[in-house]
Amino acid sequence: MDILKTTLVGLFFGTFGTTLGGILGVVIKKDSNKFLSFILSVASRINDVNNLF
């Protein structure tokens, strides 16, 4: 049962992070290194949270 819970939580956060990054990328159209760095930082933090479970 734990593997199912882990899989579902991983799927949720993976989908959520990808969707959030896509929406931010479309809504905020900046071509700067600072913005790209921020988006990658957010994605990595979501991945870190996912790995805690």
PDB file of N, CA and C in Angstrom:
ATOM      1  N   MET A   1       0.821  -1.189   0.000  1.00  0.00           N
ATOM      2  CA  MET A   1       0.000   0.000   0.000  1.00  0.00           C
ATOM      3  C   MET A   1       0.869   1.259   0.000  1.00  0.00           C
ATOM      4  N   ASP A   2       2.038   1.176   0.626  1.00  0.00           N
ATOM      5  CA  ASP A   2       2.925   2.342   0.660  1.00  0.00           C
ATOM      6  C   ASP A   2       3.443   2.703  -0.729  1.00  0.00           C
ATOM      7  N   ILE A   3       3.689   1.698  -1.556  1.00  0.00           N
ATOM      8  CA  ILE A   3       4.201   1.976  -2.902  1.00  0.00           C
ATOM      9  C   ILE A   3       3.142   2.680  -3.742  1.00  0.00           C
ATOM     10  N   LEU A   4       1.886   2.347  -3.534  1.00  0.00           N
ATOM     11  CA  LEU A   4       0.796   3.014  -4.252  1.00  0.00           C
ATOM     12  C   LEU A   4       0.692   4.472  -3.824  1.00  0.00           C
ATOM     13  N   LYS A   5       0.777   4.714  -2.518  1.00  0.00           N
ATOM     14  CA  LYS A   5       0.727   6.087  -1.991  1.00  0.00           C
ATOM     15  C   LYS A   5       1.902   6.899  -2.529  1.00  0.00           C
ATOM     16  N   THR A   6       3.089   6.333  -2.498  1.00  0.00           N
ATOM     17  CA  THR A   6       4.277   7.026  -2.993  1.00  0.00           C
ATOM     18  C   THR A   6       4.157   7.336  -4.480  1.00  0.00           C
ATOM     19  N   THR A   7       3.642   6.383  -5.237  1.00  0.00           N
ATOM     20  CA  THR A   7       3.465   6.581  -6.680  1.00  0.00           C
ATOM     21  C   THR A   7       2.466   7.693  -6.967  1.00  0.00           C
ATOM     22  N   LEU A   8       1.347   7.694  -6.247  1.00  0.00           N
ATOM     23  CA  LEU A   8       0.321   8.713  -6.472  1.00  0.00           C
ATOM     24  C   LEU A   8       0.797  10.106  -6.061  1.00  0.00           C
ATOM     25  N   VAL A   9       1.511  10.200  -4.949  1.00  0.00           N
ATOM     26  CA  VAL A   9       2.049  11.493  -4.515  1.00  0.00           C
ATOM     27  C   VAL A   9       3.089  11.989  -5.519  1.00  0.00           C
ATOM     28  N   GLY A  10       3.951  11.102  -5.994  1.00  0.00           N
ATOM     29  CA  GLY A  10       4.955  11.478  -6.989  1.00  0.00           C
ATOM     30  C   GLY A  10       4.316  11.930  -8.287  1.00  0.00           C
ATOM     31  N   LEU A  11       3.280  11.223  -8.713  1.00  0.00           N
ATOM     32  CA  LEU A  11       2.564  11.597  -9.929  1.00  0.00           C
ATOM     33  C   LEU A  11       1.911  12.968  -9.774  1.00  0.00           C
ATOM     34  N   PHE A  12       1.291  13.205  -8.619  1.00  0.00           N
ATOM     35  CA  PHE A  12       0.636  14.492  -8.378  1.00  0.00           C
ATOM     36  C   PHE A  12       1.638  15.636  -8.414  1.00  0.00           C
ATOM     37  N   PHE A  13       2.723  15.525  -7.638  1.00  0.00           N
ATOM     38  CA  PHE A  13       3.688  16.625  -7.578  1.00  0.00           C
ATOM     39  C   PHE A  13       4.429  16.803  -8.898  1.00  0.00           C
ATOM     40  N   GLY A  14       4.704  15.716  -9.595  1.00  0.00           N
ATOM     41  CA  GLY A  14       5.346  15.829 -10.901  1.00  0.00           C
ATOM     42  C   GLY A  14       4.456  16.551 -11.897  1.00  0.00           C
ATOM     43  N   THR A  15       3.190  16.186 -11.923  1.00  0.00           N
ATOM     44  CA  THR A  15       2.234  16.839 -12.814  1.00  0.00           C
ATOM     45  C   THR A  15       2.008  18.283 -12.413  1.00  0.00           C
ATOM     46  N   PHE A  16       1.874  18.514 -11.124  1.00  0.00           N
ATOM     47  CA  PHE A  16       1.652  19.867 -10.611  1.00  0.00           C
ATOM     48  C   PHE A  16       2.829  20.781 -10.938  1.00  0.00           C
ATOM     49  N   GLY A  17       4.037  20.311 -10.722  1.00  0.00           N
ATOM     50  CA  GLY A  17       5.222  21.124 -10.996  1.00  0.00           C
ATOM     51  C   GLY A  17       5.386  21.449 -12.471  1.00  0.00           C
ATOM     52  N   THR A  18       5.133  20.458 -13.305  1.00  0.00           N
ATOM     53  CA  THR A  18       5.240  20.670 -14.743  1.00  0.00           C
ATOM     54  C   THR A  18       4.178  21.646 -15.236  1.00  0.00           C
ATOM     55  N   THR A  19       2.958  21.483 -14.739  1.00  0.00           N
ATOM     56  CA  THR A  19       1.866  22.382 -15.124  1.00  0.00           C
ATOM     57  C   THR A  19       2.140  23.802 -14.659  1.00  0.00           C
ATOM     58  N   LEU A  20       2.576  23.946 -13.427  1.00  0.00           N
ATOM     59  CA  LEU A  20       2.878  25.283 -12.886  1.00  0.00           C
ATOM     60  C   LEU A  20       3.994  25.944 -13.687  1.00  0.00           C
ATOM     61  N   GLY A  21       5.042  25.223 -14.006  1.00  0.00           N
ATOM     62  CA  GLY A  21       6.133  25.775 -14.802  1.00  0.00           C
ATOM     63  C   GLY A  21       5.689  26.171 -16.198  1.00  0.00           C
ATOM     64  N   GLY A  22       4.841  25.341 -16.812  1.00  0.00           N
ATOM     65  CA  GLY A  22       4.317  25.664 -18.139  1.00  0.00           C
ATOM     66  C   GLY A  22       3.454  26.910 -18.132  1.00  0.00           C
ATOM     67  N   ILE A  23       2.588  27.026 -17.141  1.00  0.00           N
ATOM     68  CA  ILE A  23       1.721  28.207 -17.031  1.00  0.00           C
ATOM     69  C   ILE A  23       2.557  29.462 -16.787  1.00  0.00           C
ATOM     70  N   LEU A  24       3.516  29.376 -15.901  1.00  0.00           N
ATOM     71  CA  LEU A  24       4.375  30.545 -15.644  1.00  0.00           C
ATOM     72  C   LEU A  24       5.171  30.929 -16.879  1.00  0.00           C
ATOM     73  N   GLY A  25       5.651  29.926 -17.601  1.00  0.00           N
ATOM     74  CA  GLY A  25       6.419  30.212 -18.808  1.00  0.00           C
ATOM     75  C   GLY A  25       5.597  30.876 -19.892  1.00  0.00           C
ATOM     76  N   VAL A  26       4.321  30.509 -19.994  1.00  0.00           N
ATOM     77  CA  VAL A  26       3.453  31.094 -21.014  1.00  0.00           C
ATOM     78  C   VAL A  26       2.972  32.486 -20.600  1.00  0.00           C
ATOM     79  N   VAL A  27       2.605  32.628 -19.328  1.00  0.00           N
ATOM     80  CA  VAL A  27       2.057  33.896 -18.853  1.00  0.00           C
ATOM     81  C   VAL A  27       3.139  34.973 -18.773  1.00  0.00           C
ATOM     82  N   ILE A  28       4.277  34.621 -18.235  1.00  0.00           N
ATOM     83  CA  ILE A  28       5.368  35.588 -18.061  1.00  0.00           C
ATOM     84  C   ILE A  28       6.386  35.331 -19.165  1.00  0.00           C
ATOM     85  N   LYS A  29       6.357  36.169 -20.181  1.00  0.00           N
ATOM     86  CA  LYS A  29       7.227  35.946 -21.353  1.00  0.00           C
ATOM     87  C   LYS A  29       8.485  36.805 -21.251  1.00  0.00           C
ATOM     88  N   LYS A  30       9.410  36.369 -20.405  1.00  0.00           N
ATOM     89  CA  LYS A  30      10.684  37.064 -20.271  1.00  0.00           C
ATOM     90  C   LYS A  30      11.790  36.141 -20.771  1.00  0.00           C
ATOM     91  N   ASP A  31      12.722  36.708 -21.478  1.00  0.00           N
ATOM     92  CA  ASP A  31      13.867  35.935 -21.962  1.00  0.00           C
ATOM     93  C   ASP A  31      15.126  36.375 -21.219  1.00  0.00           C
ATOM     94  N   SER A  32      15.143  36.109 -19.921  1.00  0.00           N
ATOM     95  CA  SER A  32      16.314  36.504 -19.152  1.00  0.00           C
ATOM     96  C   SER A  32      16.842  35.303 -18.366  1.00  0.00           C
ATOM     97  N   ASN A  33      18.105  35.357 -18.053  1.00  0.00           N
ATOM     98  CA  ASN A  33      18.726  34.273 -17.297  1.00  0.00           C
ATOM     99  C   ASN A  33      18.192  34.217 -15.869  1.00  0.00           C
ATOM    100  N   LYS A  34      17.854  35.385 -15.296  1.00  0.00           N
ATOM    101  CA  LYS A  34      17.321  35.414 -13.935  1.00  0.00           C
ATOM    102  C   LYS A  34      15.976  34.695 -13.867  1.00  0.00           C
ATOM    103  N   PHE A  35      15.129  34.937 -14.853  1.00  0.00           N
ATOM    104  CA  PHE A  35      13.815  34.300 -14.866  1.00  0.00           C
ATOM    105  C   PHE A  35      13.942  32.798 -15.050  1.00  0.00           C
ATOM    106  N   LEU A  36      14.782  32.373 -15.961  1.00  0.00           N
ATOM    107  CA  LEU A  36      15.007  30.943 -16.176  1.00  0.00           C
ATOM    108  C   LEU A  36      15.565  30.287 -14.910  1.00  0.00           C
ATOM    109  N   SER A  37      16.455  30.966 -14.240  1.00  0.00           N
ATOM    110  CA  SER A  37      17.014  30.460 -12.997  1.00  0.00           C
ATOM    111  C   SER A  37      15.936  30.300 -11.933  1.00  0.00           C
ATOM    112  N   PHE A  38      15.027  31.267 -11.862  1.00  0.00           N
ATOM    113  CA  PHE A  38      13.942  31.205 -10.884  1.00  0.00           C
ATOM    114  C   PHE A  38      13.028  30.020 -11.166  1.00  0.00           C
ATOM    115  N   ILE A  39      12.636  29.842 -12.422  1.00  0.00           N
ATOM    116  CA  ILE A  39      11.740  28.739 -12.791  1.00  0.00           C
ATOM    117  C   ILE A  39      12.394  27.388 -12.495  1.00  0.00           C
ATOM    118  N   LEU A  40      13.665  27.243 -12.819  1.00  0.00           N
ATOM    119  CA  LEU A  40      14.361  25.987 -12.538  1.00  0.00           C
ATOM    120  C   LEU A  40      14.490  25.740 -11.035  1.00  0.00           C
ATOM    121  N   SER A  41      14.664  26.814 -10.271  1.00  0.00           N
ATOM    122  CA  SER A  41      14.741  26.700  -8.823  1.00  0.00           C
ATOM    123  C   SER A  41      13.417  26.217  -8.243  1.00  0.00           C
ATOM    124  N   VAL A  42      12.311  26.765  -8.728  1.00  0.00           N
ATOM    125  CA  VAL A  42      10.993  26.333  -8.256  1.00  0.00           C
ATOM    126  C   VAL A  42      10.772  24.864  -8.604  1.00  0.00           C
ATOM    127  N   ALA A  43      11.116  24.474  -9.812  1.00  0.00           N
ATOM    128  CA  ALA A  43      10.934  23.083 -10.228  1.00  0.00           C
ATOM    129  C   ALA A  43      11.775  22.137  -9.372  1.00  0.00           C
ATOM    130  N   SER A  44      12.989  22.544  -9.048  1.00  0.00           N
ATOM    131  CA  SER A  44      13.841  21.671  -8.240  1.00  0.00           C
ATOM    132  C   SER A  44      13.343  21.579  -6.806  1.00  0.00           C
ATOM    133  N   ARG A  45      12.762  22.661  -6.278  1.00  0.00           N
ATOM    134  CA  ARG A  45      12.206  22.612  -4.919  1.00  0.00           C
ATOM    135  C   ARG A  45      10.997  21.679  -4.872  1.00  0.00           C
ATOM    136  N   ILE A  46      10.160  21.723  -5.905  1.00  0.00           N
ATOM    137  CA  ILE A  46       9.018  20.816  -5.949  1.00  0.00           C
ATOM    138  C   ILE A  46       9.508  19.379  -6.032  1.00  0.00           C
ATOM    139  N   ASN A  47      10.568  19.147  -6.786  1.00  0.00           N
ATOM    140  CA  ASN A  47      11.143  17.808  -6.878  1.00  0.00           C
ATOM    141  C   ASN A  47      11.734  17.381  -5.532  1.00  0.00           C
ATOM    142  N   ASP A  48      12.344  18.301  -4.802  1.00  0.00           N
ATOM    143  CA  ASP A  48      12.894  17.976  -3.485  1.00  0.00           C
ATOM    144  C   ASP A  48      11.779  17.556  -2.538  1.00  0.00           C
ATOM    145  N   VAL A  49      10.673  18.275  -2.563  1.00  0.00           N
ATOM    146  CA  VAL A  49       9.539  17.931  -1.705  1.00  0.00           C
ATOM    147  C   VAL A  49       9.014  16.554  -2.077  1.00  0.00           C
ATOM    148  N   ASN A  50       8.967  16.286  -3.367  1.00  0.00           N
ATOM    149  CA  ASN A  50       8.505  14.970  -3.816  1.00  0.00           C
ATOM    150  C   ASN A  50       9.409  13.854  -3.289  1.00  0.00           C
ATOM    151  N   ASN A  51      10.700  14.095  -3.230  1.00  0.00           N
ATOM    152  CA  ASN A  51      11.645  13.074  -2.780  1.00  0.00           C
ATOM    153  C   ASN A  51      11.577  12.849  -1.279  1.00  0.00           C
ATOM    154  N   LEU A  52      10.981  13.771  -0.524  1.00  0.00           N
ATOM    155  CA  LEU A  52      10.871  13.591   0.915  1.00  0.00           C
ATOM    156  C   LEU A  52       9.861  12.516   1.275  1.00  0.00           C
ATOM    157  N   PHE A  53       8.909  12.285   0.389  1.00  0.00           N
ATOM    158  CA  PHE A  53       7.895  11.270   0.669  1.00  0.00           C
ATOM    159  C   PHE A  53       8.482   9.953   0.306  1.00  0.00           C
TER     160      PHE A  53
END
